[in-house]
Full PDB file with SEQRES, HELIX, SHEET, SSBOND, CRYST1, ORIGX, SCALE, CONECT and MASTER records, all heavy atoms in Angstrom:
SEQRES   1 A   29  ARG GLN VAL LEU PHE SER PRO ASP VAL LEU ARG GLU LYS          
SEQRES   2 A   29  GLN ASN SER GLY VAL ILE GLU LEU SER PRO ASP THR MET          
SEQRES   3 A   29  LEU ALA VAL                                                  
HELIX    1 AA1 PRO A    7  LEU A   10  1                                   4    
SHEET    1 AA1 2 ILE A  19  SER A  22  0                                        
SHEET    2 AA1 2 THR A  25  LEU A  27 -1                                        
CRYST1    1.000    1.000    1.000  90.00  90.00  90.00 P 1           1          
ORIGX1      1.000000  0.000000  0.000000        0.00000                         
ORIGX2      0.000000  1.000000  0.000000        0.00000                         
ORIGX3      0.000000  0.000000  1.000000        0.00000                         
SCALE1      1.000000  0.000000  0.000000        0.00000                         
SCALE2      0.000000  1.000000  0.000000        0.00000                         
SCALE3      0.000000  0.000000  1.000000        0.00000                         
ATOM      1  N   ARG A   1       0.832  -1.211   0.000  1.00  0.00           N  
ATOM      2  CA  ARG A   1       0.000   0.000   0.000  1.00  0.00           C  
ATOM      3  C   ARG A   1       0.867   1.261   0.000  1.00  0.00           C  
ATOM      4  O   ARG A   1       0.525   2.263  -0.634  1.00  0.00           O  
ATOM      5  CB  ARG A   1      -0.931  -0.025   1.210  1.00  0.00           C  
ATOM      6  CG  ARG A   1      -2.049  -1.055   1.056  1.00  0.00           C  
ATOM      7  CD  ARG A   1      -3.106  -0.934   2.156  1.00  0.00           C  
ATOM      8  NE  ARG A   1      -2.735  -1.679   3.355  1.00  0.00           N  
ATOM      9  CZ  ARG A   1      -2.385  -1.141   4.499  1.00  0.00           C  
ATOM     10  NH1 ARG A   1      -2.354   0.180   4.623  1.00  0.00           N  
ATOM     11  NH2 ARG A   1      -2.077  -1.893   5.541  1.00  0.00           N  
ATOM     12  N   GLN A   2       1.991   1.211   0.676  1.00  0.00           N  
ATOM     13  CA  GLN A   2       2.892   2.369   0.680  1.00  0.00           C  
ATOM     14  C   GLN A   2       3.425   2.642  -0.722  1.00  0.00           C  
ATOM     15  O   GLN A   2       3.496   3.800  -1.168  1.00  0.00           O  
ATOM     16  CB  GLN A   2       4.050   2.105   1.644  1.00  0.00           C  
ATOM     17  CG  GLN A   2       5.018   3.283   1.773  1.00  0.00           C  
ATOM     18  CD  GLN A   2       6.145   2.981   2.744  1.00  0.00           C  
ATOM     19  OE1 GLN A   2       6.329   1.842   3.167  1.00  0.00           O  
ATOM     20  NE2 GLN A   2       6.903   3.989   3.102  1.00  0.00           N  
ATOM     21  N   VAL A   3       3.771   1.585  -1.465  1.00  0.00           N  
ATOM     22  CA  VAL A   3       4.263   1.749  -2.836  1.00  0.00           C  
ATOM     23  C   VAL A   3       3.155   2.266  -3.742  1.00  0.00           C  
ATOM     24  O   VAL A   3       3.365   3.152  -4.575  1.00  0.00           O  
ATOM     25  CB  VAL A   3       4.825   0.408  -3.360  1.00  0.00           C  
ATOM     26  CG1 VAL A   3       5.113   0.494  -4.857  1.00  0.00           C  
ATOM     27  CG2 VAL A   3       6.100   0.037  -2.604  1.00  0.00           C  
ATOM     28  N   LEU A   4       1.942   1.725  -3.599  1.00  0.00           N  
ATOM     29  CA  LEU A   4       0.831   2.132  -4.464  1.00  0.00           C  
ATOM     30  C   LEU A   4       0.516   3.622  -4.332  1.00  0.00           C  
ATOM     31  O   LEU A   4       0.110   4.262  -5.307  1.00  0.00           O  
ATOM     32  CB  LEU A   4      -0.419   1.318  -4.110  1.00  0.00           C  
ATOM     33  CG  LEU A   4      -0.482  -0.105  -4.669  1.00  0.00           C  
ATOM     34  CD1 LEU A   4      -1.644  -0.869  -4.066  1.00  0.00           C  
ATOM     35  CD2 LEU A   4      -0.603  -0.073  -6.193  1.00  0.00           C  
ATOM     36  N   PHE A   5       0.703   4.185  -3.152  1.00  0.00           N  
ATOM     37  CA  PHE A   5       0.373   5.589  -2.945  1.00  0.00           C  
ATOM     38  C   PHE A   5       1.612   6.484  -2.944  1.00  0.00           C  
ATOM     39  O   PHE A   5       1.564   7.622  -2.468  1.00  0.00           O  
ATOM     40  CB  PHE A   5      -0.420   5.754  -1.643  1.00  0.00           C  
ATOM     41  CG  PHE A   5      -1.834   5.246  -1.765  1.00  0.00           C  
ATOM     42  CD1 PHE A   5      -2.141   3.924  -1.502  1.00  0.00           C  
ATOM     43  CD2 PHE A   5      -2.852   6.087  -2.193  1.00  0.00           C  
ATOM     44  CE1 PHE A   5      -3.435   3.451  -1.635  1.00  0.00           C  
ATOM     45  CE2 PHE A   5      -4.145   5.623  -2.329  1.00  0.00           C  
ATOM     46  CZ  PHE A   5      -4.450   4.291  -2.049  1.00  0.00           C  
ATOM     47  N   SER A   6       2.720   5.962  -3.475  1.00  0.00           N  
ATOM     48  CA  SER A   6       3.892   6.815  -3.696  1.00  0.00           C  
ATOM     49  C   SER A   6       3.650   7.662  -4.951  1.00  0.00           C  
ATOM     50  O   SER A   6       2.866   7.283  -5.826  1.00  0.00           O  
ATOM     51  CB  SER A   6       5.146   5.964  -3.861  1.00  0.00           C  
ATOM     52  OG  SER A   6       5.041   5.137  -5.006  1.00  0.00           O  
ATOM     53  N   PRO A   7       4.296   8.831  -5.083  1.00  0.00           N  
ATOM     54  CA  PRO A   7       3.971   9.763  -6.179  1.00  0.00           C  
ATOM     55  C   PRO A   7       4.108   9.152  -7.573  1.00  0.00           C  
ATOM     56  O   PRO A   7       3.211   9.310  -8.411  1.00  0.00           O  
ATOM     57  CB  PRO A   7       4.970  10.902  -5.968  1.00  0.00           C  
ATOM     58  CG  PRO A   7       5.274  10.871  -4.500  1.00  0.00           C  
ATOM     59  CD  PRO A   7       5.230   9.432  -4.112  1.00  0.00           C  
ATOM     60  N   ASP A   8       5.208   8.441  -7.854  1.00  0.00           N  
ATOM     61  CA  ASP A   8       5.420   7.909  -9.201  1.00  0.00           C  
ATOM     62  C   ASP A   8       4.349   6.899  -9.583  1.00  0.00           C  
ATOM     63  O   ASP A   8       3.870   6.874 -10.724  1.00  0.00           O  
ATOM     64  CB  ASP A   8       6.799   7.243  -9.305  1.00  0.00           C  
ATOM     65  CG  ASP A   8       7.921   8.263  -9.318  1.00  0.00           C  
ATOM     66  OD1 ASP A   8       7.614   9.462  -9.502  1.00  0.00           O  
ATOM     67  OD2 ASP A   8       9.092   7.872  -9.156  1.00  0.00           O  
ATOM     68  N   VAL A   9       3.970   6.054  -8.650  1.00  0.00           N  
ATOM     69  CA  VAL A   9       3.000   5.000  -8.955  1.00  0.00           C  
ATOM     70  C   VAL A   9       1.580   5.553  -8.953  1.00  0.00           C  
ATOM     71  O   VAL A   9       0.776   5.223  -9.834  1.00  0.00           O  
ATOM     72  CB  VAL A   9       3.140   3.837  -7.940  1.00  0.00           C  
ATOM     73  CG1 VAL A   9       2.098   2.752  -8.216  1.00  0.00           C  
ATOM     74  CG2 VAL A   9       4.549   3.249  -7.989  1.00  0.00           C  
ATOM     75  N   LEU A  10       1.255   6.426  -7.997  1.00  0.00           N  
ATOM     76  CA  LEU A  10      -0.118   6.915  -7.869  1.00  0.00           C  
ATOM     77  C   LEU A  10      -0.453   7.960  -8.935  1.00  0.00           C  
ATOM     78  O   LEU A  10      -1.474   7.848  -9.628  1.00  0.00           O  
ATOM     79  CB  LEU A  10      -0.324   7.504  -6.469  1.00  0.00           C  
ATOM     80  CG  LEU A  10      -1.715   8.074  -6.177  1.00  0.00           C  
ATOM     81  CD1 LEU A  10      -2.753   6.960  -6.194  1.00  0.00           C  
ATOM     82  CD2 LEU A  10      -1.726   8.804  -4.830  1.00  0.00           C  
ATOM     83  N   ARG A  11       0.396   8.967  -9.089  1.00  0.00           N  
ATOM     84  CA  ARG A  11       0.061  10.073  -9.985  1.00  0.00           C  
ATOM     85  C   ARG A  11       0.513   9.824 -11.421  1.00  0.00           C  
ATOM     86  O   ARG A  11      -0.194  10.166 -12.368  1.00  0.00           O  
ATOM     87  CB  ARG A  11       0.691  11.371  -9.465  1.00  0.00           C  
ATOM     88  CG  ARG A  11       0.296  11.738  -8.035  1.00  0.00           C  
ATOM     89  CD  ARG A  11      -1.201  11.842  -7.871  1.00  0.00           C  
ATOM     90  NE  ARG A  11      -1.590  12.052  -6.478  1.00  0.00           N  
ATOM     91  CZ  ARG A  11      -2.805  11.837  -6.010  1.00  0.00           C  
ATOM     92  NH1 ARG A  11      -3.765  11.419  -6.828  1.00  0.00           N  
ATOM     93  NH2 ARG A  11      -3.080  12.034  -4.732  1.00  0.00           N  
ATOM     94  N   GLU A  12       1.707   9.242 -11.570  1.00  0.00           N  
ATOM     95  CA  GLU A  12       2.255   9.048 -12.921  1.00  0.00           C  
ATOM     96  C   GLU A  12       1.808   7.731 -13.548  1.00  0.00           C  
ATOM     97  O   GLU A  12       2.107   7.473 -14.715  1.00  0.00           O  
ATOM     98  CB  GLU A  12       3.783   9.096 -12.868  1.00  0.00           C  
ATOM     99  CG  GLU A  12       4.365  10.371 -12.263  1.00  0.00           C  
ATOM    100  CD  GLU A  12       3.982  11.599 -13.057  1.00  0.00           C  
ATOM    101  OE1 GLU A  12       3.812  11.477 -14.298  1.00  0.00           O  
ATOM    102  OE2 GLU A  12       3.822  12.677 -12.447  1.00  0.00           O  
ATOM    103  N   LYS A  13       1.150   6.872 -12.756  1.00  0.00           N  
ATOM    104  CA  LYS A  13       0.673   5.566 -13.254  1.00  0.00           C  
ATOM    105  C   LYS A  13       1.825   4.713 -13.793  1.00  0.00           C  
ATOM    106  O   LYS A  13       1.663   3.970 -14.769  1.00  0.00           O  
ATOM    107  CB  LYS A  13      -0.387   5.758 -14.346  1.00  0.00           C  
ATOM    108  CG  LYS A  13      -1.572   6.619 -13.978  1.00  0.00           C  
ATOM    109  CD  LYS A  13      -2.451   5.942 -12.951  1.00  0.00           C  
ATOM    110  CE  LYS A  13      -3.776   6.671 -12.795  1.00  0.00           C  
ATOM    111  NZ  LYS A  13      -3.674   8.072 -12.454  1.00  0.00           N  
ATOM    112  N   GLN A  14       2.981   4.793 -13.147  1.00  0.00           N  
ATOM    113  CA  GLN A  14       4.138   4.005 -13.571  1.00  0.00           C  
ATOM    114  C   GLN A  14       4.213   2.687 -12.815  1.00  0.00           C  
ATOM    115  O   GLN A  14       3.690   2.557 -11.695  1.00  0.00           O  
ATOM    116  CB  GLN A  14       5.433   4.795 -13.354  1.00  0.00           C  
ATOM    117  CG  GLN A  14       5.557   6.028 -14.238  1.00  0.00           C  
ATOM    118  CD  GLN A  14       6.891   6.704 -14.074  1.00  0.00           C  
ATOM    119  OE1 GLN A  14       7.678   6.361 -13.203  1.00  0.00           O  
ATOM    120  NE2 GLN A  14       7.165   7.684 -14.927  1.00  0.00           N  
ATOM    121  N   ASN A  15       4.911   1.717 -13.425  1.00  0.00           N  
ATOM    122  CA  ASN A  15       5.120   0.437 -12.740  1.00  0.00           C  
ATOM    123  C   ASN A  15       5.974   0.653 -11.492  1.00  0.00           C  
ATOM    124  O   ASN A  15       6.892   1.473 -11.489  1.00  0.00           O  
ATOM    125  CB  ASN A  15       5.855  -0.557 -13.649  1.00  0.00           C  
ATOM    126  CG  ASN A  15       5.080  -0.879 -14.906  1.00  0.00           C  
ATOM    127  OD1 ASN A  15       3.866  -0.677 -14.965  1.00  0.00           O  
ATOM    128  ND2 ASN A  15       5.765  -1.394 -15.909  1.00  0.00           N  
ATOM    129  N   SER A  16       5.656  -0.102 -10.471  1.00  0.00           N  
ATOM    130  CA  SER A  16       6.535  -0.093  -9.301  1.00  0.00           C  
ATOM    131  C   SER A  16       7.738  -0.984  -9.581  1.00  0.00           C  
ATOM    132  O   SER A  16       7.763  -1.737 -10.564  1.00  0.00           O  
ATOM    133  CB  SER A  16       5.794  -0.638  -8.082  1.00  0.00           C  
ATOM    134  OG  SER A  16       5.618  -2.050  -8.203  1.00  0.00           O  
ATOM    135  N   GLY A  17       8.729  -0.905  -8.721  1.00  0.00           N  
ATOM    136  CA  GLY A  17       9.776  -1.918  -8.753  1.00  0.00           C  
ATOM    137  C   GLY A  17       9.226  -3.213  -8.187  1.00  0.00           C  
ATOM    138  O   GLY A  17       8.073  -3.287  -7.745  1.00  0.00           O  
ATOM    139  N   VAL A  18      10.041  -4.246  -8.197  1.00  0.00           N  
ATOM    140  CA  VAL A  18       9.618  -5.533  -7.645  1.00  0.00           C  
ATOM    141  C   VAL A  18       9.658  -5.445  -6.116  1.00  0.00           C  
ATOM    142  O   VAL A  18      10.677  -5.082  -5.541  1.00  0.00           O  
ATOM    143  CB  VAL A  18      10.514  -6.676  -8.147  1.00  0.00           C  
ATOM    144  CG1 VAL A  18      10.151  -7.986  -7.458  1.00  0.00           C  
ATOM    145  CG2 VAL A  18      10.369  -6.828  -9.656  1.00  0.00           C  
ATOM    146  N   ILE A  19       8.535  -5.767  -5.482  1.00  0.00           N  
ATOM    147  CA  ILE A  19       8.414  -5.716  -4.016  1.00  0.00           C  
ATOM    148  C   ILE A  19       8.601  -7.135  -3.490  1.00  0.00           C  
ATOM    149  O   ILE A  19       7.801  -8.028  -3.797  1.00  0.00           O  
ATOM    150  CB  ILE A  19       7.045  -5.177  -3.587  1.00  0.00           C  
ATOM    151  CG1 ILE A  19       6.749  -3.853  -4.295  1.00  0.00           C  
ATOM    152  CG2 ILE A  19       6.981  -5.010  -2.082  1.00  0.00           C  
ATOM    153  CD1 ILE A  19       5.295  -3.410  -4.152  1.00  0.00           C  
ATOM    154  N   GLU A  20       9.637  -7.353  -2.705  1.00  0.00           N  
ATOM    155  CA  GLU A  20       9.887  -8.683  -2.128  1.00  0.00           C  
ATOM    156  C   GLU A  20       9.189  -8.760  -0.772  1.00  0.00           C  
ATOM    157  O   GLU A  20       9.627  -8.183   0.206  1.00  0.00           O  
ATOM    158  CB  GLU A  20      11.385  -8.932  -1.968  1.00  0.00           C  
ATOM    159  CG  GLU A  20      11.689 -10.335  -1.463  1.00  0.00           C  
ATOM    160  CD  GLU A  20      13.177 -10.632  -1.383  1.00  0.00           C  
ATOM    161  OE1 GLU A  20      13.971  -9.811  -1.904  1.00  0.00           O  
ATOM    162  OE2 GLU A  20      13.542 -11.652  -0.787  1.00  0.00           O  
ATOM    163  N   LEU A  21       8.085  -9.516  -0.729  1.00  0.00           N  
ATOM    164  CA  LEU A  21       7.326  -9.664   0.514  1.00  0.00           C  
ATOM    165  C   LEU A  21       7.890 -10.763   1.393  1.00  0.00           C  
ATOM    166  O   LEU A  21       7.764 -10.717   2.618  1.00  0.00           O  
ATOM    167  CB  LEU A  21       5.861  -9.947   0.197  1.00  0.00           C  
ATOM    168  CG  LEU A  21       5.131  -8.856  -0.601  1.00  0.00           C  
ATOM    169  CD1 LEU A  21       3.683  -9.242  -0.816  1.00  0.00           C  
ATOM    170  CD2 LEU A  21       5.226  -7.514   0.118  1.00  0.00           C  
ATOM    171  N   SER A  22       8.483 -11.766   0.780  1.00  0.00           N  
ATOM    172  CA  SER A  22       9.138 -12.858   1.495  1.00  0.00           C  
ATOM    173  C   SER A  22      10.118 -13.482   0.502  1.00  0.00           C  
ATOM    174  O   SER A  22      10.076 -13.165  -0.700  1.00  0.00           O  
ATOM    175  CB  SER A  22       8.115 -13.884   1.994  1.00  0.00           C  
ATOM    176  OG  SER A  22       7.489 -14.535   0.907  1.00  0.00           O  
ATOM    177  N   PRO A  23      11.005 -14.360   0.956  1.00  0.00           N  
ATOM    178  CA  PRO A  23      11.985 -14.935   0.021  1.00  0.00           C  
ATOM    179  C   PRO A  23      11.359 -15.644  -1.177  1.00  0.00           C  
ATOM    180  O   PRO A  23      12.003 -15.766  -2.214  1.00  0.00           O  
ATOM    181  CB  PRO A  23      12.761 -15.922   0.905  1.00  0.00           C  
ATOM    182  CG  PRO A  23      12.662 -15.355   2.278  1.00  0.00           C  
ATOM    183  CD  PRO A  23      11.299 -14.739   2.352  1.00  0.00           C  
ATOM    184  N   ASP A  24      10.105 -16.101  -1.055  1.00  0.00           N  
ATOM    185  CA  ASP A  24       9.492 -16.820  -2.177  1.00  0.00           C  
ATOM    186  C   ASP A  24       8.251 -16.122  -2.726  1.00  0.00           C  
ATOM    187  O   ASP A  24       7.453 -16.740  -3.436  1.00  0.00           O  
ATOM    188  CB  ASP A  24       9.128 -18.254  -1.753  1.00  0.00           C  
ATOM    189  CG  ASP A  24       8.106 -18.270  -0.619  1.00  0.00           C  
ATOM    190  OD1 ASP A  24       7.816 -17.193  -0.082  1.00  0.00           O  
ATOM    191  OD2 ASP A  24       7.613 -19.361  -0.286  1.00  0.00           O  
ATOM    192  N   THR A  25       8.072 -14.846  -2.433  1.00  0.00           N  
ATOM    193  CA  THR A  25       6.908 -14.109  -2.956  1.00  0.00           C  
ATOM    194  C   THR A  25       7.325 -12.698  -3.336  1.00  0.00           C  
ATOM    195  O   THR A  25       7.820 -11.943  -2.490  1.00  0.00           O  
ATOM    196  CB  THR A  25       5.771 -14.044  -1.922  1.00  0.00           C  
ATOM    197  OG1 THR A  25       5.412 -15.368  -1.519  1.00  0.00           O  
ATOM    198  CG2 THR A  25       4.556 -13.346  -2.507  1.00  0.00           C  
ATOM    199  N   MET A  26       7.117 -12.353  -4.623  1.00  0.00           N  
ATOM    200  CA  MET A  26       7.435 -11.020  -5.124  1.00  0.00           C  
ATOM    201  C   MET A  26       6.221 -10.459  -5.845  1.00  0.00           C  
ATOM    202  O   MET A  26       5.418 -11.211  -6.409  1.00  0.00           O  
ATOM    203  CB  MET A  26       8.638 -11.064  -6.072  1.00  0.00           C  
ATOM    204  CG  MET A  26       9.928 -11.498  -5.411  1.00  0.00           C  
ATOM    205  SD  MET A  26      11.310 -11.510  -6.583  1.00  0.00           S  
ATOM    206  CE  MET A  26      12.662 -11.920  -5.479  1.00  0.00           C  
ATOM    207  N   LEU A  27       6.136  -9.131  -5.839  1.00  0.00           N  
ATOM    208  CA  LEU A  27       4.968  -8.466  -6.406  1.00  0.00           C  
ATOM    209  C   LEU A  27       5.421  -7.244  -7.183  1.00  0.00           C  
ATOM    210  O   LEU A  27       6.332  -6.534  -6.769  1.00  0.00           O  
ATOM    211  CB  LEU A  27       4.037  -8.040  -5.258  1.00  0.00           C  
ATOM    212  CG  LEU A  27       2.542  -7.876  -5.537  1.00  0.00           C  
ATOM    213  CD1 LEU A  27       1.926  -9.240  -5.826  1.00  0.00           C  
ATOM    214  CD2 LEU A  27       1.852  -7.264  -4.324  1.00  0.00           C  
ATOM    215  N   ALA A  28       4.803  -7.013  -8.337  1.00  0.00           N  
ATOM    216  CA  ALA A  28       4.981  -5.758  -9.066  1.00  0.00           C  
ATOM    217  C   ALA A  28       3.587  -5.174  -9.282  1.00  0.00           C  
ATOM    218  O   ALA A  28       2.655  -5.895  -9.652  1.00  0.00           O  
ATOM    219  CB  ALA A  28       5.671  -5.992 -10.398  1.00  0.00           C  
ATOM    220  N   VAL A  29       3.418  -3.874  -9.015  1.00  0.00           N  
ATOM    221  CA  VAL A  29       2.085  -3.274  -9.064  1.00  0.00           C  
ATOM    222  C   VAL A  29       2.091  -2.027  -9.942  1.00  0.00           C  
ATOM    223  O   VAL A  29       3.123  -1.416 -10.194  1.00  0.00           O  
ATOM    224  CB  VAL A  29       1.588  -2.901  -7.643  1.00  0.00           C  
ATOM    225  CG1 VAL A  29       1.427  -4.136  -6.773  1.00  0.00           C  
ATOM    226  CG2 VAL A  29       2.533  -1.902  -6.974  1.00  0.00           C  
TER     227      VAL A  29                                                      
MASTER        0    0    0    1    2    0    0    6  226    1    0    3          
END                                                                             
């Protein structure tokens, strides 16, 4: 949620970097 509401992702509609939630789970939003 912090990444989703960062300026580049929220206002510019750009891809986030890869978010590593755990060693075996990654997310890009």
